C-alpha atoms as a PDB file:
ATOM      1  CA  MET A   1      -5.725 -23.479  33.411  1.00  0.00           C
ATOM      2  CA  ALA A   2      -2.181 -22.487  34.312  1.00  0.00           C
ATOM      3  CA  GLY A   3       0.048 -20.867  31.732  1.00  0.00           C
ATOM      4  CA  PRO A   4       3.042 -22.460  29.964  1.00  0.00           C
ATOM      5  CA  ARG A   5       6.093 -23.173  32.101  1.00  0.00           C
ATOM      6  CA  GLY A   6       9.454 -24.682  31.152  1.00  0.00           C
ATOM      7  CA  GLU A   7      10.596 -26.342  27.964  1.00  0.00           C
ATOM      8  CA  SER A   8       8.212 -29.227  28.625  1.00  0.00           C
ATOM      9  CA  LEU A   9       5.897 -30.407  31.352  1.00  0.00           C
ATOM     10  CA  ALA A  10       8.371 -33.149  32.257  1.00  0.00           C
ATOM     11  CA  THR A  11      11.183 -30.644  32.861  1.00  0.00           C
ATOM     12  CA  SER A  12       8.928 -28.240  34.782  1.00  0.00           C
ATOM     13  CA  TYR A  13       8.603 -30.667  37.710  1.00  0.00           C
ATOM     14  CA  ASP A  14      11.186 -32.701  39.619  1.00  0.00           C
ATOM     15  CA  LEU A  15       8.798 -35.496  40.663  1.00  0.00           C
ATOM     16  CA  LEU A  16       6.234 -37.109  38.379  1.00  0.00           C
ATOM     17  CA  MET A  17       3.716 -39.268  40.236  1.00  0.00           C
ATOM     18  CA  PHE A  18       2.001 -41.615  37.791  1.00  0.00           C
ATOM     19  CA  ASP A  19      -1.241 -43.376  38.516  1.00  0.00           C
ATOM     20  CA  LEU A  20      -1.189 -46.844  36.930  1.00  0.00           C
ATOM     21  CA  ASP A  21      -4.644 -48.085  35.850  1.00  0.00           C
ATOM     22  CA  GLY A  22      -5.731 -45.994  32.873  1.00  0.00           C
ATOM     23  CA  VAL A  23      -2.420 -44.113  32.617  1.00  0.00           C
ATOM     24  CA  VAL A  24       0.349 -46.693  32.217  1.00  0.00           C
ATOM     25  CA  TYR A  25      -1.773 -49.771  31.544  1.00  0.00           C
ATOM     26  CA  VAL A  26      -5.382 -50.867  31.190  1.00  0.00           C
ATOM     27  CA  ASP A  27      -6.333 -54.388  32.269  1.00  0.00           C
ATOM     28  CA  GLY A  28      -2.678 -55.451  32.168  1.00  0.00           C
ATOM     29  CA  ARG A  29      -1.885 -54.072  28.713  1.00  0.00           C
ATOM     30  CA  ALA A  30       0.344 -51.053  28.134  1.00  0.00           C
ATOM     31  CA  VAL A  31      -1.253 -47.754  27.186  1.00  0.00           C
ATOM     32  CA  GLU A  32       0.124 -46.525  23.867  1.00  0.00           C
ATOM     33  CA  HIS A  33       3.122 -44.159  24.216  1.00  0.00           C
ATOM     34  CA  ALA A  34       3.327 -44.675  27.994  1.00  0.00           C
ATOM     35  CA  ALA A  35       6.652 -46.522  28.219  1.00  0.00           C
ATOM     36  CA  GLU A  36       8.601 -44.219  25.904  1.00  0.00           C
ATOM     37  CA  SER A  37       7.095 -41.059  27.442  1.00  0.00           C
ATOM     38  CA  ILE A  38       8.044 -42.125  30.971  1.00  0.00           C
ATOM     39  CA  ALA A  39      11.552 -43.101  29.851  1.00  0.00           C
ATOM     40  CA  GLN A  40      12.033 -39.729  28.177  1.00  0.00           C
ATOM     41  CA  ALA A  41      10.864 -37.900  31.306  1.00  0.00           C
ATOM     42  CA  ARG A  42      13.288 -39.905  33.441  1.00  0.00           C
ATOM     43  CA  GLU A  43      16.151 -39.134  31.056  1.00  0.00           C
ATOM     44  CA  GLY A  44      15.260 -35.449  31.391  1.00  0.00           C
ATOM     45  CA  GLY A  45      16.002 -35.579  35.105  1.00  0.00           C
ATOM     46  CA  ALA A  46      12.599 -36.055  36.712  1.00  0.00           C
ATOM     47  CA  HIS A  47      12.197 -38.467  39.605  1.00  0.00           C
ATOM     48  CA  ILE A  48       9.518 -41.032  38.801  1.00  0.00           C
ATOM     49  CA  ALA A  49       6.995 -42.629  41.149  1.00  0.00           C
ATOM     50  CA  PHE A  50       4.196 -45.040  40.332  1.00  0.00           C
ATOM     51  CA  ILE A  51       1.312 -44.731  42.755  1.00  0.00           C
ATOM     52  CA  THR A  52      -1.787 -46.841  42.905  1.00  0.00           C
ATOM     53  CA  ASN A  53      -4.950 -47.155  44.944  1.00  0.00           C
ATOM     54  CA  ASN A  54      -4.941 -50.870  44.123  1.00  0.00           C
ATOM     55  CA  ALA A  55      -4.008 -52.586  47.384  1.00  0.00           C
ATOM     56  CA  SER A  56      -3.939 -56.187  46.176  1.00  0.00           C
ATOM     57  CA  ARG A  57      -0.319 -56.352  44.915  1.00  0.00           C
ATOM     58  CA  THR A  58       3.116 -55.710  46.373  1.00  0.00           C
ATOM     59  CA  PRO A  59       5.532 -53.092  44.967  1.00  0.00           C
ATOM     60  CA  GLU A  60       7.697 -55.986  43.723  1.00  0.00           C
ATOM     61  CA  GLN A  61       4.770 -57.409  41.751  1.00  0.00           C
ATOM     62  CA  VAL A  62       3.874 -54.011  40.316  1.00  0.00           C
ATOM     63  CA  ALA A  63       7.484 -53.259  39.324  1.00  0.00           C
ATOM     64  CA  ALA A  64       7.765 -56.673  37.645  1.00  0.00           C
ATOM     65  CA  GLN A  65       4.605 -56.040  35.616  1.00  0.00           C
ATOM     66  CA  LEU A  66       5.828 -52.603  34.586  1.00  0.00           C
ATOM     67  CA  GLY A  67       9.073 -54.173  33.398  1.00  0.00           C
ATOM     68  CA  GLU A  68       7.132 -56.641  31.253  1.00  0.00           C
ATOM     69  CA  LEU A  69       5.363 -53.657  29.659  1.00  0.00           C
ATOM     70  CA  GLY A  70       8.658 -51.940  28.860  1.00  0.00           C
ATOM     71  CA  VAL A  71       8.541 -49.455  31.756  1.00  0.00           C
ATOM     72  CA  THR A  72      11.686 -49.358  33.889  1.00  0.00           C
ATOM     73  CA  ALA A  73      10.752 -49.506  37.563  1.00  0.00           C
ATOM     74  CA  THR A  74      12.119 -50.794  40.849  1.00  0.00           C
ATOM     75  CA  PRO A  75      10.004 -51.659  43.909  1.00  0.00           C
ATOM     76  CA  ALA A  76      11.232 -48.424  45.499  1.00  0.00           C
ATOM     77  CA  ASP A  77       9.544 -46.484  42.664  1.00  0.00           C
ATOM     78  CA  VAL A  78       6.142 -47.976  43.516  1.00  0.00           C
ATOM     79  CA  VAL A  79       3.945 -46.569  46.275  1.00  0.00           C
ATOM     80  CA  THR A  80       0.650 -48.273  47.098  1.00  0.00           C
ATOM     81  CA  SER A  81      -2.391 -47.369  49.132  1.00  0.00           C
ATOM     82  CA  SER A  82      -1.521 -50.397  51.296  1.00  0.00           C
ATOM     83  CA  GLN A  83       1.716 -48.690  52.333  1.00  0.00           C
ATOM     84  CA  ALA A  84      -0.130 -45.458  53.080  1.00  0.00           C
ATOM     85  CA  ALA A  85      -2.705 -47.389  55.134  1.00  0.00           C
ATOM     86  CA  ALA A  86       0.061 -49.145  57.054  1.00  0.00           C
ATOM     87  CA  ARG A  87       1.623 -45.800  57.993  1.00  0.00           C
ATOM     88  CA  LEU A  88      -1.743 -44.552  59.266  1.00  0.00           C
ATOM     89  CA  LEU A  89      -2.124 -47.679  61.402  1.00  0.00           C
ATOM     90  CA  VAL A  90       1.381 -47.420  62.841  1.00  0.00           C
ATOM     91  CA  SER A  91       0.752 -43.776  63.729  1.00  0.00           C
ATOM     92  CA  ALA A  92      -2.520 -44.651  65.467  1.00  0.00           C
ATOM     93  CA  HIS A  93      -1.618 -47.929  67.192  1.00  0.00           C
ATOM     94  CA  GLY A  94       2.181 -48.312  67.175  1.00  0.00           C
ATOM     95  CA  GLU A  95       4.544 -50.885  65.693  1.00  0.00           C
ATOM     96  CA  GLY A  96       3.811 -54.505  66.517  1.00  0.00           C
ATOM     97  CA  SER A  97       0.057 -53.944  66.771  1.00  0.00           C
ATOM     98  CA  PRO A  98      -2.160 -56.810  65.544  1.00  0.00           C
ATOM     99  CA  ILE A  99      -4.332 -55.623  62.631  1.00  0.00           C
ATOM    100  CA  ALA A 100      -7.207 -57.658  61.166  1.00  0.00           C
ATOM    101  CA  VAL A 101      -6.892 -57.807  57.375  1.00  0.00           C
ATOM    102  CA  LEU A 102      -9.701 -57.877  54.832  1.00  0.00           C
ATOM    103  CA  GLY A 103      -7.465 -57.871  51.768  1.00  0.00           C
ATOM    104  CA  ALA A 104      -4.884 -59.566  49.586  1.00  0.00           C
ATOM    105  CA  ASP A 105      -1.116 -60.186  49.548  1.00  0.00           C
ATOM    106  CA  GLY A 106      -0.145 -56.589  48.840  1.00  0.00           C
ATOM    107  CA  LEU A 107      -1.882 -55.394  51.978  1.00  0.00           C
ATOM    108  CA  LEU A 108      -0.413 -58.171  54.124  1.00  0.00           C
ATOM    109  CA  ALA A 109       3.109 -57.379  52.892  1.00  0.00           C
ATOM    110  CA  ALA A 110       2.718 -53.651  53.542  1.00  0.00           C
ATOM    111  CA  LEU A 111       1.616 -54.256  57.118  1.00  0.00           C
ATOM    112  CA  ARG A 112       4.552 -56.576  57.797  1.00  0.00           C
ATOM    113  CA  ASP A 113       7.027 -54.148  56.229  1.00  0.00           C
ATOM    114  CA  ALA A 114       5.690 -51.417  58.521  1.00  0.00           C
ATOM    115  CA  GLY A 115       6.244 -53.583  61.596  1.00  0.00           C
ATOM    116  CA  LEU A 116       2.596 -54.489  62.155  1.00  0.00           C
ATOM    117  CA  GLU A 117       1.191 -57.968  62.766  1.00  0.00           C
ATOM    118  CA  PRO A 118      -1.495 -59.003  60.253  1.00  0.00           C
ATOM    119  CA  VAL A 119      -4.132 -61.279  61.801  1.00  0.00           C
ATOM    120  CA  GLN A 120      -7.306 -62.890  60.552  1.00  0.00           C
ATOM    121  CA  VAL A 121     -10.652 -61.145  60.778  1.00  0.00           C
ATOM    122  CA  GLY A 122     -12.134 -62.259  64.093  1.00  0.00           C
ATOM    123  CA  ASP A 123      -8.856 -62.509  65.987  1.00  0.00           C
ATOM    124  CA  PRO A 124      -9.685 -61.042  69.421  1.00  0.00           C
ATOM    125  CA  ARG A 125      -6.254 -59.385  69.660  1.00  0.00           C
ATOM    126  CA  ALA A 126      -6.888 -57.057  66.722  1.00  0.00           C
ATOM    127  CA  VAL A 127      -6.836 -53.367  67.621  1.00  0.00           C
ATOM    128  CA  ALA A 128      -8.075 -52.263  64.185  1.00  0.00           C
ATOM    129  CA  ILE A 129      -9.148 -53.615  60.810  1.00  0.00           C
ATOM    130  CA  VAL A 130      -7.907 -52.650  57.346  1.00  0.00           C
ATOM    131  CA  SER A 131      -9.604 -53.425  54.042  1.00  0.00           C
ATOM    132  CA  GLY A 132      -8.395 -53.399  50.452  1.00  0.00           C
ATOM    133  CA  TYR A 133      -9.250 -54.695  46.989  1.00  0.00           C
ATOM    134  CA  ALA A 134      -9.319 -58.498  47.060  1.00  0.00           C
ATOM    135  CA  PRO A 135     -11.800 -60.212  44.710  1.00  0.00           C
ATOM    136  CA  ASP A 136     -11.390 -63.648  46.307  1.00  0.00           C
ATOM    137  CA  ILE A 137     -12.565 -62.751  49.830  1.00  0.00           C
ATOM    138  CA  ARG A 138     -15.478 -64.873  50.993  1.00  0.00           C
ATOM    139  CA  TRP A 139     -18.784 -63.349  51.930  1.00  0.00           C
ATOM    140  CA  ARG A 140     -18.728 -64.801  55.455  1.00  0.00           C
ATOM    141  CA  VAL A 141     -15.462 -62.932  56.157  1.00  0.00           C
ATOM    142  CA  ILE A 142     -16.989 -59.698  54.879  1.00  0.00           C
ATOM    143  CA  MET A 143     -19.997 -60.206  57.137  1.00  0.00           C
ATOM    144  CA  GLN A 144     -17.775 -60.813  60.160  1.00  0.00           C
ATOM    145  CA  ALA A 145     -15.665 -57.731  59.382  1.00  0.00           C
ATOM    146  CA  ALA A 146     -18.757 -55.561  58.983  1.00  0.00           C
ATOM    147  CA  THR A 147     -20.104 -56.732  62.327  1.00  0.00           C
ATOM    148  CA  LEU A 148     -16.812 -56.000  64.098  1.00  0.00           C
ATOM    149  CA  ILE A 149     -16.688 -52.517  62.587  1.00  0.00           C
ATOM    150  CA  ARG A 150     -20.277 -51.880  63.624  1.00  0.00           C
ATOM    151  CA  ASN A 151     -19.324 -52.948  67.133  1.00  0.00           C
ATOM    152  CA  GLY A 152     -16.561 -50.339  67.291  1.00  0.00           C
ATOM    153  CA  LEU A 153     -13.352 -51.797  65.823  1.00  0.00           C
ATOM    154  CA  PRO A 154     -11.392 -48.910  64.163  1.00  0.00           C
ATOM    155  CA  TRP A 155     -11.333 -49.239  60.369  1.00  0.00           C
ATOM    156  CA  VAL A 156      -8.889 -48.037  57.715  1.00  0.00           C
ATOM    157  CA  ALA A 157      -9.702 -48.535  54.017  1.00  0.00           C
ATOM    158  CA  THR A 158      -6.930 -48.485  51.449  1.00  0.00           C
ATOM    159  CA  ASN A 159      -9.195 -46.718  48.950  1.00  0.00           C
ATOM    160  CA  ALA A 160     -12.816 -45.998  48.120  1.00  0.00           C
ATOM    161  CA  ASP A 161     -12.700 -46.353  44.314  1.00  0.00           C
ATOM    162  CA  LEU A 162     -16.149 -47.348  43.086  1.00  0.00           C
ATOM    163  CA  THR A 163     -14.832 -48.573  39.720  1.00  0.00           C
ATOM    164  CA  LEU A 164     -11.704 -49.830  38.011  1.00  0.00           C
ATOM    165  CA  PRO A 165     -11.002 -49.968  34.246  1.00  0.00           C
ATOM    166  CA  THR A 166     -10.870 -53.290  32.369  1.00  0.00           C
ATOM    167  CA  ASP A 167     -10.925 -54.302  28.709  1.00  0.00           C
ATOM    168  CA  ASP A 168     -14.638 -55.019  29.129  1.00  0.00           C
ATOM    169  CA  GLY A 169     -15.312 -51.569  30.550  1.00  0.00           C
ATOM    170  CA  LEU A 170     -15.647 -50.327  34.102  1.00  0.00           C
ATOM    171  CA  ALA A 171     -15.809 -53.001  36.803  1.00  0.00           C
ATOM    172  CA  PRO A 172     -16.781 -52.720  40.489  1.00  0.00           C
ATOM    173  CA  GLY A 173     -13.968 -51.508  42.731  1.00  0.00           C
ATOM    174  CA  HIS A 174     -13.197 -51.742  46.437  1.00  0.00           C
ATOM    175  CA  GLY A 175     -15.296 -48.644  47.038  1.00  0.00           C
ATOM    176  CA  LEU A 176     -18.476 -50.646  46.594  1.00  0.00           C
ATOM    177  CA  LEU A 177     -17.429 -52.902  49.465  1.00  0.00           C
ATOM    178  CA  VAL A 178     -16.548 -49.827  51.519  1.00  0.00           C
ATOM    179  CA  ARG A 179     -19.979 -48.388  50.807  1.00  0.00           C
ATOM    180  CA  LEU A 180     -21.723 -51.643  51.723  1.00  0.00           C
ATOM    181  CA  ILE A 181     -19.904 -51.982  55.060  1.00  0.00           C
ATOM    182  CA  SER A 182     -20.320 -48.272  55.829  1.00  0.00           C
ATOM    183  CA  ASP A 183     -24.063 -48.434  55.215  1.00  0.00           C
ATOM    184  CA  PHE A 184     -24.413 -51.482  57.434  1.00  0.00           C
ATOM    185  CA  ALA A 185     -22.071 -50.376  60.229  1.00  0.00           C
ATOM    186  CA  GLU A 186     -23.009 -46.684  60.039  1.00  0.00           C
ATOM    187  CA  VAL A 187     -19.289 -45.928  60.184  1.00  0.00           C
ATOM    188  CA  ALA A 188     -17.022 -44.208  57.627  1.00  0.00           C
ATOM    189  CA  PRO A 189     -13.450 -45.519  57.417  1.00  0.00           C
ATOM    190  CA  GLN A 190     -10.264 -43.505  57.404  1.00  0.00           C
ATOM    191  CA  VAL A 191      -9.217 -43.722  53.742  1.00  0.00           C
ATOM    192  CA  ALA A 192      -5.542 -43.916  52.759  1.00  0.00           C
ATOM    193  CA  GLY A 193      -5.830 -43.740  48.969  1.00  0.00           C
ATOM    194  CA  LYS A 194      -6.717 -40.952  46.584  1.00  0.00           C
ATOM    195  CA  PRO A 195      -8.511 -38.577  46.738  1.00  0.00           C
ATOM    196  CA  GLN A 196      -7.458 -38.437  50.393  1.00  0.00           C
ATOM    197  CA  ARG A 197      -3.902 -37.195  50.815  1.00  0.00           C
ATOM    198  CA  PRO A 198      -2.099 -40.024  52.741  1.00  0.00           C
ATOM    199  CA  LEU A 199      -1.032 -41.806  49.522  1.00  0.00           C
ATOM    200  CA  LEU A 200       0.463 -38.673  47.959  1.00  0.00           C
ATOM    201  CA  ASP A 201       2.096 -37.764  51.265  1.00  0.00           C
ATOM    202  CA  GLU A 202       3.565 -41.287  51.439  1.00  0.00           C
ATOM    203  CA  THR A 203       4.938 -40.864  47.923  1.00  0.00           C
ATOM    204  CA  ARG A 204       6.676 -37.613  48.787  1.00  0.00           C
ATOM    205  CA  LEU A 205       8.229 -39.269  51.831  1.00  0.00           C
ATOM    206  CA  ARG A 206       9.584 -42.177  49.773  1.00  0.00           C
ATOM    207  CA  VAL A 207      10.604 -40.554  46.461  1.00  0.00           C
ATOM    208  CA  GLU A 208      12.782 -37.452  46.129  1.00  0.00           C
ATOM    209  CA  GLY A 209      11.250 -34.285  44.731  1.00  0.00           C
ATOM    210  CA  GLU A 210      10.197 -30.823  45.864  1.00  0.00           C
ATOM    211  CA  HIS A 211       7.887 -29.803  43.009  1.00  0.00           C
ATOM    212  CA  PRO A 212       5.642 -32.767  42.103  1.00  0.00           C
ATOM    213  CA  LEU A 213       3.090 -33.301  39.360  1.00  0.00           C
ATOM    214  CA  MET A 214       0.295 -35.840  39.793  1.00  0.00           C
ATOM    215  CA  VAL A 215      -0.482 -37.643  36.520  1.00  0.00           C
ATOM    216  CA  GLY A 216      -3.800 -39.482  36.386  1.00  0.00           C
ATOM    217  CA  ASP A 217      -6.865 -40.422  34.408  1.00  0.00           C
ATOM    218  CA  ARG A 218      -9.569 -39.983  37.050  1.00  0.00           C
ATOM    219  CA  LEU A 219     -11.051 -36.675  38.099  1.00  0.00           C
ATOM    220  CA  ASP A 220     -12.574 -37.976  41.333  1.00  0.00           C
ATOM    221  CA  THR A 221      -9.410 -39.645  42.667  1.00  0.00           C
ATOM    222  CA  ASP A 222      -6.223 -38.554  40.885  1.00  0.00           C
ATOM    223  CA  ILE A 223      -7.100 -34.924  40.259  1.00  0.00           C
ATOM    224  CA  ALA A 224      -9.160 -34.444  43.412  1.00  0.00           C
ATOM    225  CA  GLY A 225      -6.319 -36.068  45.352  1.00  0.00           C
ATOM    226  CA  ALA A 226      -3.833 -33.611  43.882  1.00  0.00           C
ATOM    227  CA  HIS A 227      -6.029 -30.722  45.017  1.00  0.00           C
ATOM    228  CA  GLU A 228      -6.272 -32.281  48.490  1.00  0.00           C
ATOM    229  CA  ALA A 229      -2.471 -32.595  48.699  1.00  0.00           C
ATOM    230  CA  GLY A 230      -1.825 -29.129  47.272  1.00  0.00           C
ATOM    231  CA  VAL A 231       0.055 -30.267  44.146  1.00  0.00           C
ATOM    232  CA  GLU A 232      -0.484 -29.594  40.439  1.00  0.00           C
ATOM    233  CA  SER A 233      -1.927 -32.244  38.164  1.00  0.00           C
ATOM    234  CA  LEU A 234      -2.113 -33.596  34.625  1.00  0.00           C
ATOM    235  CA  LEU A 235      -5.181 -35.441  33.349  1.00  0.00           C
ATOM    236  CA  VAL A 236      -4.640 -37.862  30.453  1.00  0.00           C
ATOM    237  CA  MET A 237      -7.614 -39.065  28.451  1.00  0.00           C
ATOM    238  CA  THR A 238      -6.510 -42.695  28.208  1.00  0.00           C
ATOM    239  CA  GLY A 239      -8.550 -44.036  31.116  1.00  0.00           C
ATOM    240  CA  VAL A 240     -11.989 -43.603  32.641  1.00  0.00           C
ATOM    241  CA  SER A 241     -12.650 -39.851  32.412  1.00  0.00           C
ATOM    242  CA  SER A 242     -14.993 -38.848  29.592  1.00  0.00           C
ATOM    243  CA  LEU A 243     -15.849 -35.554  27.913  1.00  0.00           C
ATOM    244  CA  PRO A 244     -19.166 -35.103  29.804  1.00  0.00           C
ATOM    245  CA  GLU A 245     -17.370 -35.710  33.115  1.00  0.00           C
ATOM    246  CA  LEU A 246     -14.557 -33.325  32.211  1.00  0.00           C
ATOM    247  CA  VAL A 247     -16.726 -30.327  31.299  1.00  0.00           C
ATOM    248  CA  ALA A 248     -18.890 -30.899  34.405  1.00  0.00           C
ATOM    249  CA  ALA A 249     -15.925 -31.003  36.820  1.00  0.00           C
ATOM    250  CA  GLY A 250     -16.115 -28.670  39.790  1.00  0.00           C
ATOM    251  CA  PRO A 251     -13.139 -26.598  40.967  1.00  0.00           C
ATOM    252  CA  GLY A 252     -11.834 -29.403  43.205  1.00  0.00           C
ATOM    253  CA  GLU A 253     -11.600 -31.843  40.294  1.00  0.00           C
ATOM    254  CA  ARG A 254     -10.065 -29.618  37.606  1.00  0.00           C
ATOM    255  CA  PRO A 255      -6.553 -30.506  36.436  1.00  0.00           C
ATOM    256  CA  THR A 256      -3.778 -27.993  35.904  1.00  0.00           C
ATOM    257  CA  TRP A 257      -3.044 -29.580  32.508  1.00  0.00           C
ATOM    258  CA  ILE A 258      -4.814 -31.973  30.107  1.00  0.00           C
ATOM    259  CA  GLY A 259      -3.254 -34.307  27.547  1.00  0.00           C
ATOM    260  CA  GLN A 260      -4.563 -36.796  25.040  1.00  0.00           C
ATOM    261  CA  ASP A 261      -1.915 -39.225  26.330  1.00  0.00           C
ATOM    262  CA  LEU A 262       1.488 -39.184  28.032  1.00  0.00           C
ATOM    263  CA  THR A 263       3.262 -37.704  25.018  1.00  0.00           C
ATOM    264  CA  VAL A 264       2.030 -34.376  26.412  1.00  0.00           C
ATOM    265  CA  LEU A 265       4.915 -34.539  28.905  1.00  0.00           C
ATOM    266  CA  ALA A 266       7.415 -33.813  26.138  1.00  0.00           C
ATOM    267  CA  ARG A 267       5.731 -30.506  25.254  1.00  0.00           C
ATOM    268  CA  PRO A 268       5.130 -27.220  27.088  1.00  0.00           C
ATOM    269  CA  GLY A 269       1.829 -26.974  28.909  1.00  0.00           C
ATOM    270  CA  ARG A 270      -1.019 -25.568  26.822  1.00  0.00           C
ATOM    271  CA  ALA A 271      -3.406 -22.978  28.266  1.00  0.00           C
ATOM    272  CA  ALA A 272      -6.732 -21.743  26.893  1.00  0.00           C
ATOM    273  CA  GLN A 273      -7.324 -18.019  26.449  1.00  0.00           C
ATOM    274  CA  GLU A 274     -10.716 -16.279  26.489  1.00  0.00           C
ATOM    275  CA  GLU A 275     -11.617 -13.983  23.581  1.00  0.00           C
ATOM    276  CA  ASP A 276     -15.096 -12.412  23.499  1.00  0.00           C
ATOM    277  CA  GLY A 277     -16.766 -15.367  25.192  1.00  0.00           C
ATOM    278  CA  ARG A 278     -14.865 -17.931  23.181  1.00  0.00           C
ATOM    279  CA  TRP A 279     -11.985 -20.055  24.392  1.00  0.00           C
ATOM    280  CA  ARG A 280      -8.979 -20.772  22.238  1.00  0.00           C
ATOM    281  CA  ALA A 281      -5.962 -23.074  22.508  1.00  0.00           C
ATOM    282  CA  GLY A 282      -3.811 -24.046  19.547  1.00  0.00           C
ATOM    283  CA  PRO A 283      -5.952 -24.379  16.406  1.00  0.00           C
ATOM    284  CA  TRP A 284      -9.231 -24.867  18.313  1.00  0.00           C
ATOM    285  CA  THR A 285     -11.972 -22.504  19.444  1.00  0.00           C
ATOM    286  CA  ALA A 286     -14.762 -23.564  21.800  1.00  0.00           C
ATOM    287  CA  GLU A 287     -17.887 -21.709  22.867  1.00  0.00           C
ATOM    288  CA  VAL A 288     -21.285 -22.443  24.363  1.00  0.00           C
ATOM    289  CA  ASP A 289     -24.297 -21.760  22.190  1.00  0.00           C
ATOM    290  CA  ASP A 290     -27.693 -22.113  23.873  1.00  0.00           C
ATOM    291  CA  GLY A 291     -26.236 -24.506  26.425  1.00  0.00           C
ATOM    292  CA  ARG A 292     -24.436 -26.695  23.891  1.00  0.00           C
ATOM    293  CA  LEU A 293     -20.689 -26.958  23.434  1.00  0.00           C
ATOM    294  CA  VAL A 294     -19.487 -25.993  19.960  1.00  0.00           C
ATOM    295  CA  VAL A 295     -15.912 -26.519  18.747  1.00  0.00           C
ATOM    296  CA  SER A 296     -14.338 -25.242  15.529  1.00  0.00           C
ATOM    297  CA  GLY A 297     -10.887 -25.673  14.031  1.00  0.00           C
ATOM    298  CA  SER A 298      -8.683 -28.496  12.831  1.00  0.00           C
ATOM    299  CA  GLY A 299      -5.244 -29.751  13.675  1.00  0.00           C
ATOM    300  CA  ALA A 300      -2.862 -32.597  12.978  1.00  0.00           C
ATOM    301  CA  GLU A 301       0.310 -31.372  14.681  1.00  0.00           C
ATOM    302  CA  PRO A 302       1.756 -32.878  17.883  1.00  0.00           C
ATOM    303  CA  GLY A 303      -0.051 -31.300  20.781  1.00  0.00           C
ATOM    304  CA  ASP A 304      -3.163 -30.327  18.851  1.00  0.00           C
ATOM    305  CA  ALA A 305      -5.157 -33.083  20.550  1.00  0.00           C
ATOM    306  CA  ASP A 306      -4.011 -31.785  23.940  1.00  0.00           C
ATOM    307  CA  ALA A 307      -5.145 -28.310  22.923  1.00  0.00           C
ATOM    308  CA  TRP A 308      -8.599 -29.651  21.928  1.00  0.00           C
ATOM    309  CA  TRP A 309      -9.207 -31.075  25.392  1.00  0.00           C
ATOM    310  CA  THR A 310      -7.853 -27.922  27.010  1.00  0.00           C
ATOM    311  CA  THR A 311     -10.167 -25.712  24.952  1.00  0.00           C
ATOM    312  CA  VAL A 312     -13.375 -27.646  25.588  1.00  0.00           C
ATOM    313  CA  ALA A 313     -12.582 -27.949  29.298  1.00  0.00           C
ATOM    314  CA  ALA A 314     -12.069 -24.205  29.655  1.00  0.00           C
ATOM    315  CA  ALA A 315     -15.320 -23.431  27.841  1.00  0.00           C
ATOM    316  CA  GLY A 316     -17.226 -26.003  29.874  1.00  0.00           C
ATOM    317  CA  TRP A 317     -15.855 -24.829  33.225  1.00  0.00           C
ATOM    318  CA  ASP A 318     -16.531 -21.181  32.397  1.00  0.00           C
ATOM    319  CA  HIS A 319     -20.150 -22.022  31.558  1.00  0.00           C
ATOM    320  CA  LEU A 320     -20.544 -24.107  34.720  1.00  0.00           C
ATOM    321  CA  ASP A 321     -19.140 -21.355  36.926  1.00  0.00           C
ATOM    322  CA  ARG A 322     -21.347 -18.676  35.369  1.00  0.00           C
ATOM    323  CA  THR A 323     -24.628 -20.604  35.158  1.00  0.00           C
ATOM    324  CA  GLY A 324     -24.353 -23.409  37.676  1.00  0.00           C
ATOM    325  CA  SER A 325     -25.281 -25.929  34.973  1.00  0.00           C
ATOM    326  CA  PRO A 326     -22.940 -28.214  33.022  1.00  0.00           C
ATOM    327  CA  VAL A 327     -22.704 -27.657  29.293  1.00  0.00           C
ATOM    328  CA  ASP A 328     -24.213 -30.205  26.900  1.00  0.00           C
ATOM    329  CA  PRO A 329     -21.349 -31.735  24.845  1.00  0.00           C
ATOM    330  CA  GLY A 330     -23.821 -33.325  22.430  1.00  0.00           C
ATOM    331  CA  ASP A 331     -22.146 -35.854  20.162  1.00  0.00           C
ATOM    332  CA  LEU A 332     -18.681 -34.266  20.321  1.00  0.00           C
ATOM    333  CA  THR A 333     -15.783 -36.686  20.575  1.00  0.00           C
ATOM    334  CA  GLY A 334     -12.144 -35.945  21.162  1.00  0.00           C
ATOM    335  CA  PRO A 335      -9.608 -36.001  18.320  1.00  0.00           C
ATOM    336  CA  GLY A 336      -8.208 -39.433  17.555  1.00  0.00           C
END
């Protein structure tokens, strides 16, 4: 874990790149404290970008939804995996190229905006195929796309997320379709979304900022994507990542910072310090006893919840690195 820097995390970086699902909203409803925390960061001078692996909606649609949730955003603030995929396709095939689309309106709009020609799956003019999240696609179209890919048509996938968060829990994501087609066609797509770096590279091309921070809720996409792109990251515990997943994270999925929620941006980063085999941050101490994670301390001050997550993560990662086995968190639950 990196040490403290700046008056707050928000003022330590000039570009904050926010994932959406699980960070700003869950299943269309605002995450608590998200709107006011983002507004405060913007007022402090940070450039704000909203980035999403979800390829089904346009930046205009995303910005409109954010506005309804009290988050100020323009379409220019929104960067999607569809836009990143479109840039990959333009680079490979040139503007004006016909691209078969297995996806929804957001993907179609991104291709058109990039100067490409979206065509139906099966159009003989198509020089490549692109796929994205689209729950209304018919099975016969999926079968045709899979056959074309197996027969050699180049394939770009907007993302490979296996799950997405909803009020009912985790639901299947576009990654399951990617896996199905890949298994059948024996071909892996070029992926534009996190954890691959095209989406973060696209964001840095579109939104001003030299020292970015990736803010996300998923270790395997947001945080791994930050590592892939060489930028620092903040994990918030408002989405899909759980305590067992956090303490079992390998080096490529470990965030620079951890926060209970986005209010962490208004405070300096918290780091855990090792003392005689125990890890301490704020009022908390964590250690591993016979393979089990043990936490002591109490706290009710702002930032104490952030420190709890920081402490248990440091203890868990230290144990994993030394023994090769993840620590058992038992029945521990985070504060709040």
